[in-house]
Protein backbone atom coordinates (compact mmCIF):
# COMPACT_ATOMS: atom_id res chain seq x y z
CA MET A 1 9.51 -56.33 35.09
CA LYS A 2 12.57 -55.09 33.19
CA LYS A 3 10.89 -56.03 29.90
CA TRP A 4 7.76 -54.04 30.91
CA SER A 5 9.84 -50.98 31.85
CA ALA A 6 11.67 -51.07 28.50
CA THR A 7 8.34 -51.23 26.66
CA VAL A 8 7.00 -48.21 28.56
CA ILE A 9 10.15 -46.19 27.81
CA PHE A 10 9.98 -47.15 24.12
CA PHE A 11 6.32 -46.09 23.97
CA LEU A 12 7.11 -42.72 25.57
CA LEU A 13 9.88 -42.10 23.07
CA LEU A 14 7.47 -42.75 20.21
CA CYS A 15 5.03 -40.24 21.69
CA LEU A 16 7.73 -37.62 22.13
CA PHE A 17 9.22 -38.01 18.66
CA PRO A 18 6.51 -36.07 16.77
CA VAL A 19 6.81 -33.23 19.28
CA MET A 20 10.55 -33.11 18.78
CA ALA A 21 10.11 -33.14 15.01
CA HIS A 22 7.62 -30.30 15.31
CA ALA A 23 10.06 -28.31 17.43
CA ASP A 24 12.72 -28.66 14.72
CA ARG A 25 10.61 -26.92 12.11
CA GLY A 26 11.99 -23.64 10.79
CA PRO A 27 10.76 -20.26 12.02
CA SER A 28 7.44 -18.78 10.93
CA ILE A 29 7.48 -15.62 8.81
CA VAL A 30 4.72 -13.00 9.12
CA LEU A 31 4.55 -10.12 6.61
CA ASP A 32 2.34 -7.16 7.62
CA GLY A 33 0.29 -9.49 9.84
CA VAL A 34 -0.11 -12.27 7.24
CA THR A 35 1.73 -15.58 7.74
CA ILE A 36 3.73 -16.62 4.67
CA ASP A 37 3.11 -20.14 3.40
CA GLN A 38 6.57 -21.68 3.04
CA LYS A 39 5.17 -24.65 1.09
CA VAL A 40 7.61 -27.47 0.34
CA GLY A 41 11.35 -27.74 -0.19
CA ALA A 42 14.03 -26.27 2.03
CA PRO A 43 12.21 -24.21 4.70
CA ALA A 44 13.46 -21.17 6.55
CA GLU A 45 15.91 -22.07 9.31
CA ASN A 46 18.06 -20.54 12.02
CA ILE A 47 21.82 -20.59 11.48
CA GLY A 48 23.31 -19.20 14.66
CA LYS A 49 21.35 -16.01 15.28
CA THR A 50 20.48 -15.52 11.61
CA VAL A 51 17.18 -16.53 9.97
CA MET A 52 17.87 -17.89 6.48
CA VAL A 53 15.04 -18.09 3.93
CA PRO A 54 14.74 -19.48 0.38
CA ILE A 55 15.02 -16.81 -2.33
CA ARG A 56 11.60 -18.03 -3.54
CA ILE A 57 10.03 -16.53 -0.40
CA VAL A 58 11.82 -13.24 -1.07
CA SER A 59 10.57 -13.04 -4.65
CA GLU A 60 7.03 -14.43 -4.29
CA ASN A 61 5.96 -12.90 -0.98
CA LEU A 62 8.02 -9.74 -0.59
CA GLY A 63 7.53 -8.71 -4.21
CA TYR A 64 11.23 -8.30 -4.97
CA ASP A 65 12.80 -8.96 -8.37
CA VAL A 66 15.26 -11.80 -7.68
CA LYS A 67 17.76 -13.19 -10.19
CA TRP A 68 20.18 -16.08 -9.71
CA GLU A 69 23.44 -16.44 -11.64
CA GLN A 70 24.39 -20.09 -11.62
CA ALA A 71 27.91 -19.53 -12.94
CA THR A 72 28.94 -17.18 -10.12
CA GLN A 73 26.33 -18.42 -7.60
CA THR A 74 25.30 -14.81 -7.05
CA VAL A 75 21.85 -13.56 -5.97
CA HIS A 76 20.66 -10.18 -7.31
CA VAL A 77 17.74 -8.63 -5.40
CA GLN A 78 16.05 -5.49 -6.78
CA ARG A 79 13.18 -3.39 -5.42
CA GLY A 80 12.68 0.03 -6.93
CA ASN A 81 15.97 1.89 -6.69
CA SER A 82 17.39 -0.45 -4.03
CA SER A 83 19.60 -3.38 -5.01
CA ILE A 84 21.48 -6.11 -3.13
CA GLU A 85 24.04 -8.60 -4.42
CA MET A 86 25.13 -11.67 -2.43
CA THR A 87 27.27 -14.66 -3.36
CA ALA A 88 26.89 -18.12 -1.84
CA GLY A 89 29.57 -18.79 0.75
CA LYS A 90 30.85 -15.21 0.89
CA ASP A 91 30.33 -13.11 4.03
CA ALA A 92 30.42 -9.78 2.16
CA ALA A 93 27.58 -8.30 0.07
CA THR A 94 26.73 -5.00 -1.60
CA ILE A 95 23.79 -2.67 -1.00
CA ASN A 96 23.39 -0.12 -3.81
CA GLY A 97 27.06 -0.71 -4.67
CA ASN A 98 28.36 -0.32 -1.10
CA VAL A 99 30.17 -3.31 0.43
CA VAL A 100 28.83 -4.54 3.78
CA ASN A 101 29.54 -7.60 5.95
CA LEU A 102 27.01 -10.38 6.54
CA ASP A 103 26.34 -12.22 9.80
CA ALA A 104 25.84 -15.35 7.70
CA PRO A 105 26.55 -15.82 3.98
CA PRO A 106 24.00 -17.25 1.52
CA LEU A 107 24.11 -21.03 1.22
CA ILE A 108 22.73 -23.73 -1.05
CA LYS A 109 20.71 -26.50 0.61
CA GLN A 110 18.58 -29.20 -1.02
CA GLY A 111 19.01 -27.37 -4.33
CA THR A 112 17.61 -24.14 -2.82
CA THR A 113 19.51 -20.94 -2.16
CA LEU A 114 18.98 -19.55 1.35
CA VAL A 115 19.63 -15.87 2.09
CA PRO A 116 19.70 -13.90 5.40
CA LEU A 117 16.20 -12.49 5.86
CA ARG A 118 17.00 -9.58 8.20
CA PHE A 119 19.76 -8.32 5.91
CA VAL A 120 17.55 -8.45 2.82
CA GLY A 121 14.50 -7.00 4.57
CA GLU A 122 16.27 -4.08 6.23
CA GLY A 123 18.29 -3.44 3.08
CA MET A 124 14.99 -3.00 1.24
CA GLY A 125 13.44 -0.75 3.88
CA LEU A 126 11.44 -3.17 6.04
CA GLN A 127 11.30 -3.38 9.82
CA VAL A 128 12.31 -6.87 10.95
CA GLY A 129 11.38 -8.29 14.35
CA TRP A 130 12.06 -11.62 16.07
CA ASP A 131 9.97 -13.40 18.73
CA ASN A 132 12.24 -16.01 20.28
CA GLY A 133 9.39 -17.61 22.21
CA THR A 134 7.32 -18.46 19.11
CA LYS A 135 10.26 -18.51 16.68
CA THR A 136 8.51 -15.98 14.48
CA VAL A 137 10.00 -13.37 12.16
CA SER A 138 7.77 -10.30 11.75
CA LEU A 139 8.21 -8.03 8.73
CA PHE A 140 6.58 -4.62 8.54
CA SER A 141 6.56 -1.95 5.88
CA ILE A 142 7.99 1.38 7.05
CA PRO A 143 5.81 2.92 8.30
CA PRO A 144 3.45 0.02 9.26
CA VAL A 145 0.71 -0.02 6.64
CA VAL A 146 -2.48 0.33 8.63
CA ASP A 147 -5.15 2.96 8.37
CA THR A 148 -6.64 2.63 11.83
CA GLU A 149 -6.48 5.33 14.47
CA PRO A 150 -3.41 5.19 16.76
CA ASP A 151 -3.87 4.10 20.36
CA SER A 152 -2.09 7.21 21.60
CA ASP A 153 -0.79 10.48 20.29
CA PRO A 154 2.67 10.19 18.68
CA VAL A 155 5.59 12.01 20.22
CA VAL A 156 6.85 14.62 17.77
CA THR A 157 9.24 17.53 17.87
CA PRO A 158 7.31 20.78 18.49
CA VAL A 159 6.75 22.85 15.36
CA PRO A 160 7.16 26.63 15.57
CA VAL A 161 3.83 28.43 15.88
CA GLY A 162 2.45 29.58 12.54
CA LEU A 163 4.21 26.99 10.36
CA THR A 164 2.35 24.48 8.22
CA GLU A 165 3.65 20.88 8.19
CA LEU A 166 4.24 18.83 5.05
CA GLN A 167 2.65 15.38 5.54
CA SER A 168 2.92 13.55 2.21
CA ILE A 169 4.00 13.91 -1.43
CA SER A 170 2.97 11.69 -4.35
CA TYR A 171 3.12 11.85 -8.12
CA SER A 172 0.98 9.77 -10.47
CA GLY A 173 -0.92 10.38 -13.69
CA ASP A 174 1.02 13.65 -14.16
CA ARG A 175 -0.48 15.09 -11.00
CA LEU A 176 1.67 16.14 -8.04
CA ILE A 177 -0.25 15.82 -4.77
CA ILE A 178 1.05 17.52 -1.64
CA ALA A 179 -0.82 17.07 1.63
CA THR A 180 -0.29 19.44 4.57
CA ASN A 181 -1.97 20.16 7.89
CA GLY A 182 -2.58 23.85 7.31
CA ASN A 183 -3.01 26.66 4.81
CA ILE A 184 -0.47 26.93 1.98
CA SER A 185 0.24 29.58 -0.66
CA PRO A 186 2.51 27.85 -3.19
CA LYS A 187 4.87 29.58 -5.59
CA VAL A 188 5.18 27.62 -8.85
CA SER A 189 7.82 28.45 -11.45
CA SER A 190 9.81 26.78 -14.26
CA ILE A 191 13.52 26.71 -15.10
CA SER A 192 15.30 25.69 -18.32
CA GLY A 193 18.66 23.98 -18.84
CA PRO A 194 17.64 21.37 -17.78
CA GLU A 195 13.86 21.69 -17.79
CA ARG A 196 12.38 21.75 -14.28
CA ILE A 197 9.26 22.88 -12.45
CA ILE A 198 9.76 24.35 -8.97
CA VAL A 199 7.06 24.29 -6.29
CA ASP A 200 7.96 26.31 -3.19
CA LEU A 201 5.86 26.13 -0.01
CA PRO A 202 6.56 29.23 2.13
CA ASN A 203 5.96 29.11 5.89
CA THR A 204 6.10 25.33 5.72
CA THR A 205 8.28 22.75 7.43
CA ILE A 206 8.60 18.96 7.19
CA SER A 207 6.71 16.91 9.77
CA GLN A 208 8.32 14.10 11.77
CA THR A 209 5.73 11.71 10.32
CA PHE A 210 6.96 12.58 6.82
CA VAL A 211 10.60 12.10 7.83
CA GLN A 212 9.87 8.67 9.30
CA GLY A 213 7.55 7.47 6.56
CA GLN A 214 8.55 8.98 3.22
CA ALA A 215 11.81 10.93 3.34
CA SER A 216 15.02 9.17 2.32
CA ASN A 217 17.25 11.14 4.67
CA PRO A 218 17.01 12.33 8.29
CA ASP A 219 16.81 15.96 7.12
CA GLY A 220 13.53 15.21 5.31
CA SER A 221 14.93 15.23 1.78
CA GLY A 222 14.31 12.52 -0.79
CA GLN A 223 12.92 11.78 -4.23
CA ILE A 224 10.18 9.88 -6.07
CA GLU A 225 10.71 8.14 -9.42
CA ALA A 226 7.89 9.08 -11.83
CA THR A 227 7.55 5.66 -13.45
CA ASP A 228 4.19 6.31 -15.17
CA SER A 229 5.01 9.63 -16.86
CA PHE A 230 6.62 10.63 -20.15
CA LEU A 231 7.01 14.23 -18.92
CA VAL A 232 8.55 13.88 -15.45
CA SER A 233 11.52 11.65 -14.60
CA LYS A 234 11.64 12.26 -10.87
CA VAL A 235 10.31 14.45 -8.06
CA ARG A 236 12.81 15.78 -5.51
CA PHE A 237 11.99 17.46 -2.20
CA ALA A 238 13.87 19.09 0.68
CA MET A 239 13.92 22.01 3.11
CA PHE A 240 15.01 24.91 0.91
CA SER A 241 15.29 27.54 3.61
CA GLN A 242 15.08 27.73 7.39
CA SER A 243 14.52 31.47 7.51
CA PRO A 244 11.93 31.88 6.19
CA SER A 245 11.00 28.22 6.56
CA THR A 246 10.36 26.92 3.03
CA VAL A 247 9.92 23.44 1.55
CA ARG A 248 10.93 23.07 -2.10
CA VAL A 249 9.66 20.38 -4.49
CA VAL A 250 11.43 20.02 -7.85
CA LEU A 251 10.01 18.10 -10.82
CA ASP A 252 12.75 17.05 -13.26
CA LEU A 253 11.23 17.11 -16.76
CA THR A 254 12.05 15.09 -19.86
CA GLN A 255 10.65 17.83 -22.12
CA SER A 256 9.14 21.28 -21.89
CA ALA A 257 5.95 21.30 -19.82
CA THR A 258 3.59 23.60 -17.95
CA ALA A 259 2.08 23.38 -14.46
CA ASN A 260 -1.36 24.40 -13.22
CA TRP A 261 -2.13 24.22 -9.53
CA SER A 262 -5.26 24.20 -7.42
CA LEU A 263 -6.21 23.53 -3.81
CA GLY A 264 -8.32 20.49 -2.94
CA LYS A 265 -10.08 19.56 0.27
CA ASN A 266 -8.23 19.14 3.56
CA ASN A 267 -5.20 21.31 2.67
CA VAL A 268 -4.19 19.26 -0.39
CA LEU A 269 -2.24 21.00 -3.16
CA LEU A 270 -2.78 19.62 -6.68
CA VAL A 271 -0.27 20.45 -9.43
CA ASP A 272 -1.20 19.13 -12.89
CA ILE A 273 1.63 18.80 -15.44
CA SER A 274 1.01 19.03 -19.20
CA SER A 275 3.26 19.17 -22.22
CA THR A 276 3.48 22.54 -23.93
CA ASN A 277 0.84 21.46 -26.48
CA GLY A 278 -1.58 20.76 -23.62
CA THR A 279 -1.56 16.95 -23.75
CA SER A 280 -0.90 14.63 -20.86
CA GLY A 281 2.31 12.66 -20.60
CA SER A 282 0.86 9.67 -18.80
CA GLN A 283 1.11 6.22 -20.26
CA PRO A 284 -2.08 4.79 -21.80
CA ALA A 285 -4.36 2.57 -19.75
CA LEU A 286 -3.34 -1.04 -19.27
CA PRO A 287 -4.63 -3.45 -21.91
CA ASP A 288 -7.60 -5.75 -21.33
CA ASN A 289 -6.99 -9.40 -20.45
CA ASN A 290 -8.25 -11.56 -23.32
CA GLY A 291 -10.56 -8.78 -24.41
CA LYS A 292 -12.10 -8.44 -20.94
CA THR A 293 -12.19 -5.39 -18.71
CA VAL A 294 -10.48 -6.25 -15.42
CA ILE A 295 -12.08 -4.68 -12.33
CA VAL A 296 -10.66 -4.98 -8.83
CA ILE A 297 -13.17 -4.77 -5.98
CA ASP A 298 -11.47 -4.00 -2.67
CA PRO A 299 -13.45 -4.53 0.56
CA GLY A 300 -11.53 -2.32 2.99
CA HIS A 301 -9.90 -3.51 6.24
CA GLY A 302 -10.03 -7.15 7.41
CA GLY A 303 -8.44 -9.36 10.05
CA ARG A 304 -7.12 -7.33 12.98
CA GLN A 305 -7.94 -4.13 11.09
CA SER A 306 -11.63 -3.86 11.93
CA GLY A 307 -12.06 -0.35 10.58
CA ALA A 308 -14.81 1.70 12.16
CA VAL A 309 -16.80 0.20 15.03
CA SER A 310 -20.47 1.15 14.71
CA VAL A 311 -22.65 2.57 17.46
CA THR A 312 -23.98 -0.93 18.18
CA GLY A 313 -20.55 -2.59 18.01
CA ALA A 314 -20.57 -3.89 14.41
CA TYR A 315 -17.32 -3.86 12.44
CA GLU A 316 -16.82 -1.88 9.25
CA LYS A 317 -14.72 -4.72 7.78
CA ASP A 318 -17.83 -6.97 7.77
CA PHE A 319 -19.97 -4.35 6.03
CA ASN A 320 -17.28 -3.75 3.41
CA LEU A 321 -16.94 -7.47 2.71
CA ALA A 322 -20.69 -8.03 2.44
CA VAL A 323 -21.08 -5.30 -0.19
CA GLY A 324 -17.89 -6.32 -2.01
CA ILE A 325 -18.99 -9.94 -2.43
CA LYS A 326 -22.38 -8.80 -3.75
CA VAL A 327 -20.67 -6.51 -6.29
CA LYS A 328 -18.44 -9.36 -7.43
CA ALA A 329 -21.43 -11.67 -7.91
CA LEU A 330 -23.31 -9.08 -9.97
CA LEU A 331 -20.29 -8.32 -12.17
CA GLY A 332 -19.86 -12.06 -12.71
CA GLN A 333 -23.04 -11.98 -14.83
CA HIS A 334 -21.20 -9.97 -17.51
CA ALA A 335 -19.05 -12.11 -19.80
CA ASN A 336 -16.89 -9.18 -20.94
CA ILE A 337 -15.84 -8.29 -17.37
CA GLN A 338 -13.25 -10.12 -15.27
CA THR A 339 -13.65 -9.38 -11.56
CA VAL A 340 -10.88 -9.67 -8.99
CA ILE A 341 -11.70 -9.21 -5.29
CA THR A 342 -8.85 -8.45 -2.90
CA ARG A 343 -10.36 -10.55 -0.10
CA GLN A 344 -13.30 -12.95 0.14
CA ASP A 345 -13.07 -13.56 3.88
CA ASP A 346 -11.67 -11.96 7.04
CA THR A 347 -8.15 -11.83 5.60
CA GLU A 348 -5.83 -9.03 6.71
CA LEU A 349 -4.12 -7.18 3.83
CA SER A 350 -1.83 -4.19 3.89
CA LEU A 351 -2.72 -1.19 1.74
CA GLN A 352 0.23 -1.90 -0.53
CA GLN A 353 -0.83 -5.51 -0.99
CA ARG A 354 -4.18 -4.26 -2.32
CA VAL A 355 -2.36 -2.00 -4.77
CA ASP A 356 -0.10 -4.87 -5.82
CA ILE A 357 -3.11 -7.11 -6.52
CA ALA A 358 -4.47 -4.49 -8.92
CA LYS A 359 -1.14 -4.07 -10.69
CA LEU A 360 -0.43 -7.80 -10.98
CA ASN A 361 -3.86 -8.37 -12.53
CA GLN A 362 -3.41 -5.43 -14.92
CA ALA A 363 -6.69 -3.99 -13.69
CA ASN A 364 -8.55 -1.35 -15.66
CA LEU A 365 -10.53 -0.08 -12.65
CA PHE A 366 -10.02 -0.23 -8.86
CA ILE A 367 -12.95 0.33 -6.49
CA SER A 368 -12.46 0.26 -2.72
CA ILE A 369 -15.56 -0.13 -0.51
CA HIS A 370 -15.71 1.43 2.95
CA GLY A 371 -17.97 2.69 5.69
CA ASN A 372 -17.19 6.09 7.19
CA LYS A 373 -16.73 7.18 10.81
CA PHE A 374 -16.28 10.27 12.94
CA THR A 375 -15.62 11.07 16.58
CA THR A 376 -19.21 12.32 17.06
CA PRO A 377 -22.52 10.83 15.82
CA VAL A 378 -23.48 13.97 13.88
CA PRO A 379 -21.83 13.58 10.41
CA ASN A 380 -23.69 11.37 7.97
CA GLY A 381 -24.05 10.70 4.27
CA ILE A 382 -22.27 9.41 1.16
CA GLU A 383 -18.97 10.63 -0.25
CA THR A 384 -16.71 9.40 -3.03
CA LEU A 385 -12.95 9.94 -2.89
CA TYR A 386 -10.27 9.89 -5.57
CA THR A 387 -6.68 11.12 -5.91
CA ARG A 388 -5.45 11.23 -9.51
CA LYS A 389 -7.19 13.34 -12.16
CA GLU A 390 -7.82 10.34 -14.45
CA SER A 391 -9.98 8.89 -11.65
CA LYS A 392 -12.33 11.87 -11.48
CA SER A 393 -14.77 10.67 -14.15
CA LEU A 394 -15.10 7.24 -12.52
CA ALA A 395 -15.68 8.86 -9.12
CA GLU A 396 -18.39 11.17 -10.45
CA THR A 397 -20.15 8.35 -12.33
CA LEU A 398 -20.19 5.98 -9.35
CA HIS A 399 -21.36 8.75 -7.01
CA LYS A 400 -24.18 9.63 -9.41
CA HIS A 401 -25.51 6.06 -9.24
CA VAL A 402 -24.89 5.27 -5.55
CA LEU A 403 -26.26 8.44 -3.96
CA PRO A 404 -29.95 8.20 -5.08
CA VAL A 405 -30.47 4.59 -3.97
CA THR A 406 -29.16 5.26 -0.45
CA GLY A 407 -31.35 8.27 0.31
CA LEU A 408 -28.54 9.65 2.48
CA LYS A 409 -26.95 13.10 2.53
CA ASP A 410 -24.76 14.04 -0.43
CA ARG A 411 -21.26 14.80 0.89
CA GLY A 412 -19.89 15.09 -2.62
CA VAL A 413 -16.99 13.83 -4.72
CA LYS A 414 -13.67 14.84 -3.15
CA VAL A 415 -9.94 14.67 -3.77
CA ALA A 416 -8.03 12.88 -1.00
CA SER A 417 -4.50 11.51 -0.73
CA LEU A 418 -5.28 7.85 0.08
CA HIS A 419 -2.80 5.03 -0.44
CA VAL A 420 -5.02 2.79 -2.56
CA THR A 421 -6.25 5.60 -4.82
CA ARG A 422 -2.86 7.31 -5.00
CA GLU A 423 -0.48 4.40 -5.60
CA THR A 424 -2.60 2.49 -8.13
CA SER A 425 -1.94 3.13 -11.83
CA MET A 426 -5.52 2.75 -13.12
CA PRO A 427 -8.62 4.87 -12.36
CA ALA A 428 -9.24 4.22 -8.66
CA VAL A 429 -12.03 5.32 -6.32
CA LEU A 430 -12.85 4.83 -2.64
CA LEU A 431 -16.56 4.77 -1.78
CA GLU A 432 -17.74 5.80 1.70
CA LEU A 433 -21.23 4.26 1.88
CA GLY A 434 -22.46 5.96 5.05
CA PHE A 435 -21.29 6.69 8.60
CA LEU A 436 -21.25 3.75 10.99
CA SER A 437 -20.81 6.32 13.76
CA ASN A 438 -24.20 7.85 12.89
CA PRO A 439 -27.22 5.92 14.31
CA THR A 440 -29.46 6.59 11.28
CA ASP A 441 -26.84 5.65 8.69
CA GLU A 442 -25.79 2.59 10.69
CA ALA A 443 -29.34 1.26 10.98
CA LEU A 444 -29.56 1.24 7.18
CA MET A 445 -26.04 0.02 6.48
CA LEU A 446 -26.44 -3.16 8.54
CA THR A 447 -29.51 -4.30 6.56
CA GLU A 448 -29.07 -6.68 3.65
CA SER A 449 -31.48 -4.68 1.49
CA TYR A 450 -29.27 -1.58 1.77
CA GLN A 451 -26.17 -3.61 0.94
CA ASP A 452 -27.96 -5.10 -2.09
CA GLN A 453 -28.96 -1.62 -3.29
CA CYS A 454 -25.41 -0.29 -2.89
CA ALA A 455 -23.94 -3.27 -4.75
CA GLN A 456 -26.37 -2.90 -7.66
CA ALA A 457 -25.73 0.87 -7.83
CA ILE A 458 -21.96 0.31 -7.92
CA VAL A 459 -22.35 -2.16 -10.78
CA ASP A 460 -24.67 0.20 -12.65
CA GLY A 461 -22.09 2.95 -12.25
CA ILE A 462 -19.32 0.70 -13.55
CA LEU A 463 -21.37 -0.27 -16.63
CA ASP A 464 -22.24 3.37 -17.25
CA TYR A 465 -18.57 4.39 -17.01
CA LEU A 466 -17.53 1.60 -19.39
CA ARG A 467 -20.48 2.41 -21.69
CA LEU A 468 -21.57 -1.23 -21.61
């Protein structure tokens, strides 16, 4: 009987062992809703209350520039203008040259350097969360990169009646784009010694959304590095005056330049910068890969981000993917074109991840595919959106080919401040191929024949633009 009892206990221990081994695995890491594959080697692990991760995860998945100095055992982490330095075994680090204390110092394990994830993430401007029940670290861009409608109205500080709110500022392709929620009458001037262009926005204040999402400081001030321009080194912005309420944007120039402004749709101010001889200061287009033109096709939304929900309950993400895959297949028939698609299934990607895919592949063109929506079933039709002036020709060419095959209303080619068309460095366009909130448009959009026609028209537009 004793021998039988010992056998049963031994068998139970064998059954429990895999569960115990599973429980000892390191924490999971989720970046903008996508779980990071930690592969092999030293995994992430908890040391006290600190989650430590291999520097490989920091460099490969978070997109940071990471360097390791073997002699001093120091890790250098760089992302834009932010930098962090940490040394193995030392509980002090520096952020942008300022010394701070660490909850846990970097360590070397199994030949891999582990660094504190929360410290690195927050130091680089990410929101870091921890679920103790599932042992999961959640990383989010600030603000969270999703383009779905909020579940409820945000709580914001009341704005004085009559003032327009600044909502976003971007600079790319020697075009300054300022989005507001109301009418603006800008005052544009230039100053020498050093050379600068001043854009004042009277009767304007800075919105809380802008402060939380783009400003560097609580007062709404900050700056943008103009990395793709030979004319502008940086763009600075701040509240210039409270009475009268005025927002000032300053473009620091590297040489003498002129500014011409215009107003786009939806209260968007466009300021185009040119050198005094009238030429653009933007860098030339990225080179082809092995003589091929690289085109990124971006089916919008995916995963938990369903996009618009049609009148019959269909998801925009599925429509976008169907058309995107058809476009990729058609482009694959052309030997001088290399096609990259941001997702081929129901994968969830942040807007910045889509931009990063285009940059990493040195794309020549970026085309994002979407279905439109509105709060009522009335609006319908096709519209093509772009942000930077070098994208205008691509937008007009694609629109010219797509519109006739759909037979839907022409809503035109418009300027809009969208993340994927604004933050990319190549000509980039977002196509709205009908309104899923409109019964007539939706009935067409959910048919395979319509999706085939749209895909072929997009490809024809691309070939026309490239003169192939």
